[in-house]
All heavy atoms as atom14 arrays in JSON, in Angstrom:
{
  "sequence": "EGYTHRIGGLEKDYTTGAISTDAANHQKMVNVRQAKVDKIADFIPQ",
  "atom14_mask": [
    [1, 1, 1, 1, 1, 1, 1, 1, 1, 0, 0, 0, 0, 0],
    [1, 1, 1, 1, 0, 0, 0, 0, 0, 0, 0, 0, 0, 0],
    [1, 1, 1, 1, 1, 1, 1, 1, 1, 1, 1, 1, 0, 0],
    [1, 1, 1, 1, 1, 1, 1, 0, 0, 0, 0, 0, 0, 0],
    [1, 1, 1, 1, 1, 1, 1, 1, 1, 1, 0, 0, 0, 0],
    [1, 1, 1, 1, 1, 1, 1, 1, 1, 1, 1, 0, 0, 0],
    [1, 1, 1, 1, 1, 1, 1, 1, 0, 0, 0, 0, 0, 0],
    [1, 1, 1, 1, 0, 0, 0, 0, 0, 0, 0, 0, 0, 0],
    [1, 1, 1, 1, 0, 0, 0, 0, 0, 0, 0, 0, 0, 0],
    [1, 1, 1, 1, 1, 1, 1, 1, 0, 0, 0, 0, 0, 0],
    [1, 1, 1, 1, 1, 1, 1, 1, 1, 0, 0, 0, 0, 0],
    [1, 1, 1, 1, 1, 1, 1, 1, 1, 0, 0, 0, 0, 0],
    [1, 1, 1, 1, 1, 1, 1, 1, 0, 0, 0, 0, 0, 0],
    [1, 1, 1, 1, 1, 1, 1, 1, 1, 1, 1, 1, 0, 0],
    [1, 1, 1, 1, 1, 1, 1, 0, 0, 0, 0, 0, 0, 0],
    [1, 1, 1, 1, 1, 1, 1, 0, 0, 0, 0, 0, 0, 0],
    [1, 1, 1, 1, 0, 0, 0, 0, 0, 0, 0, 0, 0, 0],
    [1, 1, 1, 1, 1, 0, 0, 0, 0, 0, 0, 0, 0, 0],
    [1, 1, 1, 1, 1, 1, 1, 1, 0, 0, 0, 0, 0, 0],
    [1, 1, 1, 1, 1, 1, 0, 0, 0, 0, 0, 0, 0, 0],
    [1, 1, 1, 1, 1, 1, 1, 0, 0, 0, 0, 0, 0, 0],
    [1, 1, 1, 1, 1, 1, 1, 1, 0, 0, 0, 0, 0, 0],
    [1, 1, 1, 1, 1, 0, 0, 0, 0, 0, 0, 0, 0, 0],
    [1, 1, 1, 1, 1, 0, 0, 0, 0, 0, 0, 0, 0, 0],
    [1, 1, 1, 1, 1, 1, 1, 1, 0, 0, 0, 0, 0, 0],
    [1, 1, 1, 1, 1, 1, 1, 1, 1, 1, 0, 0, 0, 0],
    [1, 1, 1, 1, 1, 1, 1, 1, 1, 0, 0, 0, 0, 0],
    [1, 1, 1, 1, 1, 1, 1, 1, 1, 0, 0, 0, 0, 0],
    [1, 1, 1, 1, 1, 1, 1, 1, 0, 0, 0, 0, 0, 0],
    [1, 1, 1, 1, 1, 1, 1, 0, 0, 0, 0, 0, 0, 0],
    [1, 1, 1, 1, 1, 1, 1, 1, 0, 0, 0, 0, 0, 0],
    [1, 1, 1, 1, 1, 1, 1, 0, 0, 0, 0, 0, 0, 0],
    [1, 1, 1, 1, 1, 1, 1, 1, 1, 1, 1, 0, 0, 0],
    [1, 1, 1, 1, 1, 1, 1, 1, 1, 0, 0, 0, 0, 0],
    [1, 1, 1, 1, 1, 0, 0, 0, 0, 0, 0, 0, 0, 0],
    [1, 1, 1, 1, 1, 1, 1, 1, 1, 0, 0, 0, 0, 0],
    [1, 1, 1, 1, 1, 1, 1, 0, 0, 0, 0, 0, 0, 0],
    [1, 1, 1, 1, 1, 1, 1, 1, 0, 0, 0, 0, 0, 0],
    [1, 1, 1, 1, 1, 1, 1, 1, 1, 0, 0, 0, 0, 0],
    [1, 1, 1, 1, 1, 1, 1, 1, 0, 0, 0, 0, 0, 0],
    [1, 1, 1, 1, 1, 0, 0, 0, 0, 0, 0, 0, 0, 0],
    [1, 1, 1, 1, 1, 1, 1, 1, 0, 0, 0, 0, 0, 0],
    [1, 1, 1, 1, 1, 1, 1, 1, 1, 1, 1, 0, 0, 0],
    [1, 1, 1, 1, 1, 1, 1, 1, 0, 0, 0, 0, 0, 0],
    [1, 1, 1, 1, 1, 1, 1, 0, 0, 0, 0, 0, 0, 0],
    [1, 1, 1, 1, 1, 1, 1, 1, 1, 0, 0, 0, 0, 0]
  ],
  "atom14_positions": [
    [[-59.62, 226.65, -4.93], [-60.19, 226.83, -6.26], [-59.57, 228.02, -6.98], [-59.45, 229.12, -6.42], [-61.71, 227.02, -6.16], [-62.4, 227.07, -7.52], [-63.92, 227.15, -7.41], [-64.43, 227.05, -6.27], [-64.58, 227.3, -8.45], [0.0, 0.0, 0.0], [0.0, 0.0, 0.0], [0.0, 0.0, 0.0], [0.0, 0.0, 0.0], [0.0, 0.0, 0.0]],
    [[-59.15, 227.78, -8.2], [-58.55, 228.83, -9.0], [-57.05, 228.98, -8.84], [-56.44, 229.84, -9.48], [0.0, 0.0, 0.0], [0.0, 0.0, 0.0], [0.0, 0.0, 0.0], [0.0, 0.0, 0.0], [0.0, 0.0, 0.0], [0.0, 0.0, 0.0], [0.0, 0.0, 0.0], [0.0, 0.0, 0.0], [0.0, 0.0, 0.0], [0.0, 0.0, 0.0]],
    [[-56.46, 228.17, -7.97], [-55.02, 228.32, -7.69], [-54.28, 226.98, -7.9], [-53.36, 226.65, -7.18], [-54.79, 228.82, -6.27], [-55.28, 230.24, -6.06], [-56.58, 230.49, -5.66], [-54.44, 231.32, -6.32], [-57.04, 231.78, -5.48], [-54.88, 232.62, -6.16], [-56.19, 232.85, -5.73], [-56.62, 234.13, -5.56], [0.0, 0.0, 0.0], [0.0, 0.0, 0.0]],
    [[-54.7, 226.25, -8.91], [-54.03, 224.99, -9.21], [-52.58, 225.25, -9.6], [-52.28, 226.14, -10.38], [-54.75, 224.29, -10.37], [-56.12, 224.06, -10.0], [-54.09, 222.95, -10.68], [0.0, 0.0, 0.0], [0.0, 0.0, 0.0], [0.0, 0.0, 0.0], [0.0, 0.0, 0.0], [0.0, 0.0, 0.0], [0.0, 0.0, 0.0], [0.0, 0.0, 0.0]],
    [[-51.66, 224.47, -9.03], [-50.25, 224.65, -9.35], [-49.49, 223.39, -8.97], [-50.0, 222.52, -8.27], [-49.66, 225.86, -8.6], [-49.64, 225.71, -7.12], [-50.78, 225.69, -6.33], [-48.6, 225.55, -6.24], [-50.45, 225.55, -5.06], [-49.13, 225.45, -4.97], [0.0, 0.0, 0.0], [0.0, 0.0, 0.0], [0.0, 0.0, 0.0], [0.0, 0.0, 0.0]],
    [[-48.26, 223.32, -9.46], [-47.41, 222.18, -9.14], [-46.06, 222.71, -8.67], [-45.45, 223.58, -9.32], [-47.21, 221.3, -10.37], [-46.3, 220.09, -10.11], [-46.23, 219.18, -11.32], [-45.66, 219.87, -12.48], [-45.54, 219.31, -13.68], [-46.01, 218.09, -13.91], [-45.0, 219.99, -14.69], [0.0, 0.0, 0.0], [0.0, 0.0, 0.0], [0.0, 0.0, 0.0]],
    [[-45.59, 222.19, -7.54], [-44.26, 222.51, -7.06], [-43.58, 221.2, -6.66], [-44.24, 220.18, -6.47], [-44.27, 223.48, -5.85], [-45.09, 222.9, -4.69], [-44.8, 224.85, -6.25], [-45.04, 223.75, -3.44], [0.0, 0.0, 0.0], [0.0, 0.0, 0.0], [0.0, 0.0, 0.0], [0.0, 0.0, 0.0], [0.0, 0.0, 0.0], [0.0, 0.0, 0.0]],
    [[-42.27, 221.22, -6.54], [-41.55, 220.0, -6.19], [-40.07, 220.25, -6.09], [-39.62, 221.39, -5.92], [0.0, 0.0, 0.0], [0.0, 0.0, 0.0], [0.0, 0.0, 0.0], [0.0, 0.0, 0.0], [0.0, 0.0, 0.0], [0.0, 0.0, 0.0], [0.0, 0.0, 0.0], [0.0, 0.0, 0.0], [0.0, 0.0, 0.0], [0.0, 0.0, 0.0]],
    [[-39.29, 219.2, -6.26], [-37.85, 219.28, -6.06], [-37.06, 219.64, -7.28], [-35.84, 219.87, -7.19], [0.0, 0.0, 0.0], [0.0, 0.0, 0.0], [0.0, 0.0, 0.0], [0.0, 0.0, 0.0], [0.0, 0.0, 0.0], [0.0, 0.0, 0.0], [0.0, 0.0, 0.0], [0.0, 0.0, 0.0], [0.0, 0.0, 0.0], [0.0, 0.0, 0.0]],
    [[-37.7, 219.67, -8.45], [-36.99, 220.04, -9.67], [-36.95, 221.56, -9.82], [-37.84, 222.27, -9.32], [-37.67, 219.42, -10.89], [-37.56, 217.89, -10.99], [-38.45, 217.37, -12.11], [-36.11, 217.47, -11.23], [0.0, 0.0, 0.0], [0.0, 0.0, 0.0], [0.0, 0.0, 0.0], [0.0, 0.0, 0.0], [0.0, 0.0, 0.0], [0.0, 0.0, 0.0]],
    [[-35.91, 222.05, -10.48], [-35.77, 223.49, -10.66], [-36.92, 224.06, -11.47], [-37.45, 223.4, -12.37], [-34.43, 223.78, -11.36], [-34.11, 225.26, -11.48], [-33.96, 225.95, -10.13], [-35.0, 226.3, -9.52], [-32.8, 226.12, -9.68], [0.0, 0.0, 0.0], [0.0, 0.0, 0.0], [0.0, 0.0, 0.0], [0.0, 0.0, 0.0], [0.0, 0.0, 0.0]],
    [[-37.32, 225.28, -11.14], [-38.46, 225.95, -11.79], [-37.99, 227.15, -12.61], [-37.0, 227.8, -12.27], [-39.46, 226.45, -10.74], [-39.74, 225.51, -9.58], [-40.48, 224.28, -10.01], [-40.85, 223.44, -8.78], [-39.68, 223.05, -7.97], [0.0, 0.0, 0.0], [0.0, 0.0, 0.0], [0.0, 0.0, 0.0], [0.0, 0.0, 0.0], [0.0, 0.0, 0.0]],
    [[-38.73, 227.45, -13.61], [-38.49, 228.68, -14.37], [-38.91, 229.87, -13.5], [-39.98, 229.87, -12.88], [-39.3, 228.68, -15.66], [-39.04, 229.92, -16.5], [-38.03, 229.94, -17.21], [-39.84, 230.86, -16.39], [0.0, 0.0, 0.0], [0.0, 0.0, 0.0], [0.0, 0.0, 0.0], [0.0, 0.0, 0.0], [0.0, 0.0, 0.0], [0.0, 0.0, 0.0]],
    [[-38.08, 230.9, -13.48], [-38.33, 232.06, -12.62], [-39.65, 232.74, -12.95], [-40.37, 233.18, -12.05], [-37.19, 233.07, -12.77], [-37.41, 234.34, -11.99], [-37.12, 234.4, -10.63], [-37.94, 235.48, -12.6], [-37.34, 235.57, -9.9], [-38.17, 236.65, -11.89], [-37.87, 236.68, -10.54], [-38.09, 237.83, -9.82], [0.0, 0.0, 0.0], [0.0, 0.0, 0.0]],
    [[-40.02, 232.76, -14.22], [-41.22, 233.5, -14.64], [-42.48, 232.65, -14.61], [-43.51, 233.06, -14.07], [-41.01, 234.07, -16.05], [-39.85, 234.9, -16.06], [-42.22, 234.9, -16.47], [0.0, 0.0, 0.0], [0.0, 0.0, 0.0], [0.0, 0.0, 0.0], [0.0, 0.0, 0.0], [0.0, 0.0, 0.0], [0.0, 0.0, 0.0], [0.0, 0.0, 0.0]],
    [[-42.39, 231.44, -15.15], [-43.6, 230.63, -15.32], [-43.82, 229.62, -14.2], [-44.95, 229.18, -13.98], [-43.53, 229.86, -16.64], [-42.47, 228.88, -16.58], [-43.28, 230.81, -17.81], [0.0, 0.0, 0.0], [0.0, 0.0, 0.0], [0.0, 0.0, 0.0], [0.0, 0.0, 0.0], [0.0, 0.0, 0.0], [0.0, 0.0, 0.0], [0.0, 0.0, 0.0]],
    [[-42.77, 229.21, -13.52], [-42.89, 228.17, -12.51], [-42.83, 226.77, -13.09], [-42.9, 225.78, -12.36], [0.0, 0.0, 0.0], [0.0, 0.0, 0.0], [0.0, 0.0, 0.0], [0.0, 0.0, 0.0], [0.0, 0.0, 0.0], [0.0, 0.0, 0.0], [0.0, 0.0, 0.0], [0.0, 0.0, 0.0], [0.0, 0.0, 0.0], [0.0, 0.0, 0.0]],
    [[-42.7, 226.66, -14.4], [-42.59, 225.34, -15.04], [-41.19, 224.78, -14.82], [-40.24, 225.5, -14.53], [-42.88, 225.45, -16.53], [0.0, 0.0, 0.0], [0.0, 0.0, 0.0], [0.0, 0.0, 0.0], [0.0, 0.0, 0.0], [0.0, 0.0, 0.0], [0.0, 0.0, 0.0], [0.0, 0.0, 0.0], [0.0, 0.0, 0.0], [0.0, 0.0, 0.0]],
    [[-41.04, 223.44, -14.94], [-39.74, 222.8, -14.77], [-38.76, 223.35, -15.8], [-39.08, 223.5, -16.98], [-39.88, 221.27, -14.9], [-40.71, 220.72, -13.73], [-38.51, 220.6, -14.94], [-41.08, 219.26, -13.88], [0.0, 0.0, 0.0], [0.0, 0.0, 0.0], [0.0, 0.0, 0.0], [0.0, 0.0, 0.0], [0.0, 0.0, 0.0], [0.0, 0.0, 0.0]],
    [[-37.53, 223.64, -15.34], [-36.54, 224.23, -16.23], [-35.16, 223.65, -15.94], [-34.79, 223.47, -14.77], [-36.49, 225.75, -16.04], [-35.4, 226.33, -16.73], [0.0, 0.0, 0.0], [0.0, 0.0, 0.0], [0.0, 0.0, 0.0], [0.0, 0.0, 0.0], [0.0, 0.0, 0.0], [0.0, 0.0, 0.0], [0.0, 0.0, 0.0], [0.0, 0.0, 0.0]],
    [[-34.41, 223.36, -17.03], [-33.01, 222.94, -16.9], [-32.08, 223.97, -17.51], [-30.88, 223.7, -17.7], [-32.79, 221.58, -17.58], [-33.16, 221.67, -18.97], [-33.6, 220.49, -16.9], [0.0, 0.0, 0.0], [0.0, 0.0, 0.0], [0.0, 0.0, 0.0], [0.0, 0.0, 0.0], [0.0, 0.0, 0.0], [0.0, 0.0, 0.0], [0.0, 0.0, 0.0]],
    [[-32.58, 225.15, -17.8], [-31.79, 226.21, -18.42], [-30.72, 226.7, -17.45], [-31.0, 226.99, -16.28], [-32.71, 227.37, -18.82], [-31.93, 228.51, -19.44], [-31.49, 228.36, -20.59], [-31.76, 229.53, -18.75], [0.0, 0.0, 0.0], [0.0, 0.0, 0.0], [0.0, 0.0, 0.0], [0.0, 0.0, 0.0], [0.0, 0.0, 0.0], [0.0, 0.0, 0.0]],
    [[-29.47, 226.82, -17.93], [-28.34, 227.17, -17.07], [-28.51, 228.56, -16.46], [-28.29, 228.76, -15.25], [-27.04, 227.1, -17.87], [0.0, 0.0, 0.0], [0.0, 0.0, 0.0], [0.0, 0.0, 0.0], [0.0, 0.0, 0.0], [0.0, 0.0, 0.0], [0.0, 0.0, 0.0], [0.0, 0.0, 0.0], [0.0, 0.0, 0.0], [0.0, 0.0, 0.0]],
    [[-28.86, 229.53, -17.29], [-28.99, 230.9, -16.79], [-30.12, 231.02, -15.77], [-30.03, 231.73, -14.78], [-29.22, 231.86, -17.97], [0.0, 0.0, 0.0], [0.0, 0.0, 0.0], [0.0, 0.0, 0.0], [0.0, 0.0, 0.0], [0.0, 0.0, 0.0], [0.0, 0.0, 0.0], [0.0, 0.0, 0.0], [0.0, 0.0, 0.0], [0.0, 0.0, 0.0]],
    [[-31.21, 230.31, -16.05], [-32.34, 230.33, -15.11], [-31.94, 229.72, -13.77], [-32.32, 230.24, -12.7], [-33.52, 229.57, -15.69], [-34.7, 229.51, -14.72], [-35.42, 230.5, -14.55], [-34.88, 228.38, -14.06], [0.0, 0.0, 0.0], [0.0, 0.0, 0.0], [0.0, 0.0, 0.0], [0.0, 0.0, 0.0], [0.0, 0.0, 0.0], [0.0, 0.0, 0.0]],
    [[-31.16, 228.63, -13.8], [-30.73, 228.0, -12.55], [-29.88, 228.96, -11.73], [-30.06, 229.08, -10.5], [-29.95, 226.72, -12.83], [-29.48, 226.02, -11.58], [-30.33, 225.67, -10.55], [-28.24, 225.64, -11.18], [-29.64, 225.09, -9.59], [-28.36, 225.07, -9.94], [0.0, 0.0, 0.0], [0.0, 0.0, 0.0], [0.0, 0.0, 0.0], [0.0, 0.0, 0.0]],
    [[-28.96, 229.66, -12.4], [-28.15, 230.65, -11.69], [-29.04, 231.71, -11.04], [-28.83, 232.11, -9.89], [-27.17, 231.31, -12.65], [-26.27, 232.37, -12.01], [-25.28, 231.78, -11.03], [-24.39, 231.04, -11.42], [-25.44, 232.08, -9.75], [0.0, 0.0, 0.0], [0.0, 0.0, 0.0], [0.0, 0.0, 0.0], [0.0, 0.0, 0.0], [0.0, 0.0, 0.0]],
    [[-30.04, 232.16, -11.8], [-30.93, 233.19, -11.27], [-31.7, 232.68, -10.06], [-31.84, 233.38, -9.05], [-31.9, 233.65, -12.36], [-32.8, 234.8, -11.92], [-33.6, 235.36, -13.09], [-34.39, 236.59, -12.65], [-35.11, 237.22, -13.79], [0.0, 0.0, 0.0], [0.0, 0.0, 0.0], [0.0, 0.0, 0.0], [0.0, 0.0, 0.0], [0.0, 0.0, 0.0]],
    [[-32.2, 231.45, -10.13], [-32.97, 230.9, -9.01], [-32.09, 230.67, -7.78], [-32.54, 230.86, -6.65], [-33.64, 229.6, -9.44], [-34.75, 229.78, -10.47], [-36.09, 230.87, -9.9], [-36.79, 229.88, -8.57], [0.0, 0.0, 0.0], [0.0, 0.0, 0.0], [0.0, 0.0, 0.0], [0.0, 0.0, 0.0], [0.0, 0.0, 0.0], [0.0, 0.0, 0.0]],
    [[-30.85, 230.25, -8.0], [-29.92, 230.12, -6.88], [-29.75, 231.47, -6.19], [-29.8, 231.58, -4.96], [-28.55, 229.58, -7.36], [-27.48, 229.75, -6.28], [-28.66, 228.11, -7.74], [0.0, 0.0, 0.0], [0.0, 0.0, 0.0], [0.0, 0.0, 0.0], [0.0, 0.0, 0.0], [0.0, 0.0, 0.0], [0.0, 0.0, 0.0], [0.0, 0.0, 0.0]],
    [[-29.59, 232.52, -6.98], [-29.43, 233.87, -6.42], [-30.69, 234.34, -5.71], [-30.62, 234.98, -4.65], [-29.06, 234.85, -7.54], [-27.72, 234.55, -8.17], [-26.91, 233.81, -7.61], [-27.47, 235.11, -9.35], [0.0, 0.0, 0.0], [0.0, 0.0, 0.0], [0.0, 0.0, 0.0], [0.0, 0.0, 0.0], [0.0, 0.0, 0.0], [0.0, 0.0, 0.0]],
    [[-31.83, 234.04, -6.29], [-33.11, 234.49, -5.7], [-33.35, 233.82, -4.35], [-33.76, 234.47, -3.38], [-34.28, 234.21, -6.67], [-35.61, 234.31, -5.94], [-34.23, 235.18, -7.84], [0.0, 0.0, 0.0], [0.0, 0.0, 0.0], [0.0, 0.0, 0.0], [0.0, 0.0, 0.0], [0.0, 0.0, 0.0], [0.0, 0.0, 0.0], [0.0, 0.0, 0.0]],
    [[-33.11, 232.53, -4.29], [-33.34, 231.82, -3.02], [-32.42, 232.35, -1.92], [-32.84, 232.47, -0.77], [-33.18, 230.31, -3.22], [-34.33, 229.66, -3.97], [-34.24, 228.14, -3.98], [-33.2, 227.66, -4.86], [-33.36, 227.32, -6.14], [-34.56, 227.42, -6.7], [-32.35, 226.86, -6.87], [0.0, 0.0, 0.0], [0.0, 0.0, 0.0], [0.0, 0.0, 0.0]],
    [[-31.18, 232.68, -2.27], [-30.27, 233.25, -1.29], [-30.7, 234.67, -0.9], [-30.7, 235.04, 0.27], [-28.84, 233.28, -1.83], [-27.8, 233.79, -0.83], [-27.68, 232.9, 0.39], [-27.35, 231.73, 0.27], [-27.96, 233.45, 1.57], [0.0, 0.0, 0.0], [0.0, 0.0, 0.0], [0.0, 0.0, 0.0], [0.0, 0.0, 0.0], [0.0, 0.0, 0.0]],
    [[-31.09, 235.46, -1.9], [-31.5, 236.83, -1.63], [-32.73, 236.88, -0.73], [-32.86, 237.76, 0.14], [-31.78, 237.56, -2.95], [0.0, 0.0, 0.0], [0.0, 0.0, 0.0], [0.0, 0.0, 0.0], [0.0, 0.0, 0.0], [0.0, 0.0, 0.0], [0.0, 0.0, 0.0], [0.0, 0.0, 0.0], [0.0, 0.0, 0.0], [0.0, 0.0, 0.0]],
    [[-33.63, 235.92, -0.93], [-34.84, 235.88, -0.1], [-34.49, 235.69, 1.36], [-35.06, 236.36, 2.25], [-35.76, 234.75, -0.58], [-37.08, 234.7, 0.15], [-38.0, 233.63, -0.39], [-37.64, 232.26, 0.12], [-38.72, 231.26, -0.15], [0.0, 0.0, 0.0], [0.0, 0.0, 0.0], [0.0, 0.0, 0.0], [0.0, 0.0, 0.0], [0.0, 0.0, 0.0]],
    [[-33.53, 234.8, 1.66], [-33.1, 234.59, 3.03], [-32.36, 235.81, 3.55], [-32.57, 236.25, 4.69], [-32.23, 233.32, 3.14], [-31.6, 233.21, 4.53], [-33.06, 232.08, 2.84], [0.0, 0.0, 0.0], [0.0, 0.0, 0.0], [0.0, 0.0, 0.0], [0.0, 0.0, 0.0], [0.0, 0.0, 0.0], [0.0, 0.0, 0.0], [0.0, 0.0, 0.0]],
    [[-31.48, 236.39, 2.73], [-30.71, 237.56, 3.16], [-31.62, 238.73, 3.53], [-31.35, 239.45, 4.49], [-29.75, 238.0, 2.04], [-28.63, 237.0, 1.8], [-28.4, 236.14, 2.69], [-28.01, 237.05, 0.72], [0.0, 0.0, 0.0], [0.0, 0.0, 0.0], [0.0, 0.0, 0.0], [0.0, 0.0, 0.0], [0.0, 0.0, 0.0], [0.0, 0.0, 0.0]],
    [[-32.71, 238.91, 2.78], [-33.61, 240.03, 3.02], [-34.36, 239.91, 4.34], [-34.9, 240.9, 4.85], [-34.6, 240.18, 1.86], [-33.98, 240.77, 0.59], [-35.0, 240.87, -0.53], [-34.39, 241.46, -1.78], [-34.01, 242.88, -1.62], [0.0, 0.0, 0.0], [0.0, 0.0, 0.0], [0.0, 0.0, 0.0], [0.0, 0.0, 0.0], [0.0, 0.0, 0.0]],
    [[-34.41, 238.71, 4.9], [-35.1, 238.53, 6.18], [-34.41, 239.33, 7.28], [-35.04, 239.68, 8.29], [-35.16, 237.02, 6.52], [-36.09, 236.32, 5.52], [-35.65, 236.78, 7.94], [-36.08, 234.81, 5.61], [0.0, 0.0, 0.0], [0.0, 0.0, 0.0], [0.0, 0.0, 0.0], [0.0, 0.0, 0.0], [0.0, 0.0, 0.0], [0.0, 0.0, 0.0]],
    [[-33.14, 239.68, 7.08], [-32.43, 240.52, 8.06], [-33.14, 241.86, 8.28], [-32.99, 242.48, 9.34], [-30.99, 240.76, 7.6], [0.0, 0.0, 0.0], [0.0, 0.0, 0.0], [0.0, 0.0, 0.0], [0.0, 0.0, 0.0], [0.0, 0.0, 0.0], [0.0, 0.0, 0.0], [0.0, 0.0, 0.0], [0.0, 0.0, 0.0], [0.0, 0.0, 0.0]],
    [[-33.92, 242.3, 7.3], [-34.67, 243.56, 7.44], [-35.86, 243.42, 8.39], [-36.47, 244.43, 8.77], [-35.19, 244.03, 6.08], [-34.07, 244.41, 5.13], [-32.98, 244.78, 5.61], [-34.29, 244.34, 3.9], [0.0, 0.0, 0.0], [0.0, 0.0, 0.0], [0.0, 0.0, 0.0], [0.0, 0.0, 0.0], [0.0, 0.0, 0.0], [0.0, 0.0, 0.0]],
    [[-36.21, 242.19, 8.76], [-37.45, 241.95, 9.5], [-37.22, 241.31, 10.88], [-38.2, 240.95, 11.54], [-38.38, 241.06, 8.67], [-38.76, 241.65, 7.35], [-37.98, 241.42, 6.21], [-39.87, 242.47, 7.23], [-38.32, 241.97, 4.98], [-40.22, 243.02, 6.0], [-39.44, 242.78, 4.87], [0.0, 0.0, 0.0], [0.0, 0.0, 0.0], [0.0, 0.0, 0.0]],
    [[-35.97, 241.15, 11.28], [-35.68, 240.55, 12.59], [-35.02, 241.59, 13.49], [-34.49, 242.6, 13.01], [-34.76, 239.3, 12.45], [-33.45, 239.67, 11.78], [-35.5, 238.2, 11.69], [-32.45, 238.52, 11.69], [0.0, 0.0, 0.0], [0.0, 0.0, 0.0], [0.0, 0.0, 0.0], [0.0, 0.0, 0.0], [0.0, 0.0, 0.0], [0.0, 0.0, 0.0]],
    [[-35.02, 241.38, 14.8], [-34.44, 242.37, 15.73], [-32.95, 242.56, 15.51], [-32.23, 241.66, 15.07], [-34.72, 241.76, 17.11], [-35.86, 240.81, 16.9], [-35.68, 240.27, 15.52], [0.0, 0.0, 0.0], [0.0, 0.0, 0.0], [0.0, 0.0, 0.0], [0.0, 0.0, 0.0], [0.0, 0.0, 0.0], [0.0, 0.0, 0.0], [0.0, 0.0, 0.0]],
    [[-32.47, 243.75, 15.87], [-31.06, 244.06, 15.81], [-30.31, 243.35, 16.95], [-30.9, 242.97, 17.96], [-30.84, 245.57, 15.94], [-31.5, 246.39, 14.84], [-30.57, 246.65, 13.67], [-30.02, 245.71, 13.11], [-30.41, 247.9, 13.3], [0.0, 0.0, 0.0], [0.0, 0.0, 0.0], [0.0, 0.0, 0.0], [0.0, 0.0, 0.0], [0.0, 0.0, 0.0]]
  ]
}
């Protein structure tokens, strides 16, 4: 309750989460998804 949302396979706007086909936004989301995985190196054993 109170957390209604929609997610799926289409690209999302970085700020709103709504479906987006904007070129700059897609580049940003590509970078964010990669950065999220890269940052996991801070949380795993050496």
